[in-house]
Every structure is written in structure tokens, then in C-alpha cells.
Amino acid sequence: MFHVPTFSAAPTSLVRQYRTKLGFTIVELLVVVAIIGILVAIILPSLGAARESARRTQCFNNLRNLGGATLNYVAAKQKYPPAATMRTGSVAGRSLDPTRHSFLTFLLPYFDQANLYQQIDLSQDWNSSKNEPLTKQNLGGVLLCPSAPSGREDKHASDYNAAVRVDSSEKSGIGQLIRAGLVQDRSKTSGPNWGNGYHVWDGILQVYSVNYDSGKADRRVVRPEDVKDGQGNTILIFESAGKPICYEQGRLSDCNITRFRWASPTLWMTINDVCNQKQLMNCSNNSQPYSFHSGGICLVKADNSVGFLDEQVEPDVMVSLITKSAGDTAANF
């Protein structure tokens, strides 16, 4: 006779223990979620900072490429490229002399764009029917800062620019800073224009221009020996980013920016905007120093050293860094 084994049900307490070991209580789940949230809060800012650091490094590399291209141009020509070649007035019956081009056009052969440069007809303006298809080319991001808004590649814009001078006229913000004693009067004159237009306020790259109507010409050539304040103390190119979209102090604005194309002779700028009482950068990107890095702008000096200039820098220090021969140098930069 066979004995059929019988099985008794497990005690209720053992089932409860078994089930408890397989899952989480609500309290445990909430603790895990809280820990994950804390980790995310810690890690995400670090990831964001790392990405911005990489973008800033790329921006520095872009500026270093342009600075190196300028040094190579100087080595070949024994002079700096013009900030622009411009011509105004009636040209009927005359040759186009000079034709209109940007300093970036003249630098093309020196930052791996020699093929494009050879196709541009320098006897014609940058936007002539022959040149316009060439000067609308996307140059592979070398002229766009990765921290600035994306999607602008088809606008053939440049986020890097040169300041030809500091505008010290009474009506400008710089004139007000001179009157307040926050910026030295480098021309040793008084209002109403504080010697505006004197070469003592000039940067390195200058506009080469002719006005056919008035007969006036400014065929200025700048050579390395003209940078009397020292190449390591003078800004060559710095950021004016985000164009043609207009920004003012970190916010979208409705201004109309027309001076943004890399090949246009109107790309250059004068320094005249002031915000927050004495700030000379990140006020507006409408032909003014502006970046999308937190707290300052990237720049390259005439010796091809790159740096980051804090937006809270004293205005007189920034003016010293822009002017090439005012007999002033910015210490500790």
C-alpha cells in the first residue's frame, strides 16, 4: 500500500517574509527615487559645465586659427590686413578702386581656404554677381562659436570681428565714461568729442577707404611696428556672436542687424556701447563685443595668444587692450 504524501500550506508568516524579500516597500522606493534625483542634480550641472568648457575651447581654437592666419599674412605682406576695403560715392566712368571686401577674405589663404580665395575676383566687390555665390559659402564652422545659437550656417555670418577704434565722442557711452573719470582721455583733449577720430583711439585693423564724392581717402596701412603698446597687450579679434539674430544682455531683441556676413566690408565695428553703468561688452551683439559664454568674451591678441576677458573688467582696461599705440598697457591680463 502506497503512502501518498500530503503537503500542508506554508505558514502565513513565511509567505509574508518571502514576498517582502522579493520587492520594495513604498518607503524604500521613495528613498531610491530621492537618491537618483540628488545624483541627477549633481551630475547634470557638471555635464553642462564640461560641455561649455569644450565649446569654449573650440571657440579659442577658432580665434587662434584666425590669429595665426593674421600672423602668416603679416609675414607674407609685412603689414596687417585691412579691417575692410571700402569705397563710397559715385564711381561712374571709374574703376572700382578699392573694391569692397572684408579682412576675412584676405585671410582665406592662411586658414586653409586658399582654393576659395583663388576663385574670388578681387577686382569686383564681394557681392558682385561673380563673387556672391563664393562669399556665401559655409566655411565649416571656423567662423562660428559653438556656444552661440546654432542653425545659422546658411547665413554666412562671422562670430568673430575686429574693432577699428574706440568711439570717444561725447554722445557715446565712452564719452560719458571719460567725463566720469572711468576712462582716460588718451587724446588729451576735452569735449565735445574727446579727440574722436584721433589715431590714439585706433585698434590694429583699420578700414582702407576712398570717398569719390568728397575726394577724401584713408588708405591707412598698419605694420607690426605700429603696435607700440605691444602685440601681447593688444586685442586683434574678439567675439561678436549670434548674428544676424539680435541679442541684448542675454535676451532676444528686435534690432535689425545687417553687418554680419563674413565677406562684407561692413563687418568691422567701433566700440561705443555701454550698459550696466560701465560695461563695454555683452550689451548688444549689433556690431559690438558679445558672447554666449557666461561672464565674458573670448579673444585673440596680436601675438596669437587667446584669452577670456571678464565682462566686469574696468572699462579703461578694455580700452587699453583695444588701442594699439596709446602708450597704455593693461596689467595682469
Foldseek 3Di string as FASTA:
>chain_A
DDDDDDDDDDDPVVVVVVVPVVDDDPVVVVVVVVVVVVVCVVVVVVVVVVVVVVLVVLLLVLQLQQLQLQVVVCVVVQFGQAQWEEEADDQVPHFPVQATWGSVLVSCVSNVNVVLNVQADRSHHCCDPRNVVSLQQQPPCSQARPLADDPCSSVQFGQKAAAFFAFCAQVFPNVVCCVVVLAPLLVPDHDRRSPGPPLQGGFRHHYFYAYPVVRDTDRDIGGPVQLVQDQVQAFGMWGLHHPPFKDALHHGDDDGADQTHNTGRSVHAYFGDAPPSFFRARGISRNGHHDSDPFFIWTATNVSDIDTDGRPPRNNQVSRRGGRPSPDGRPPD
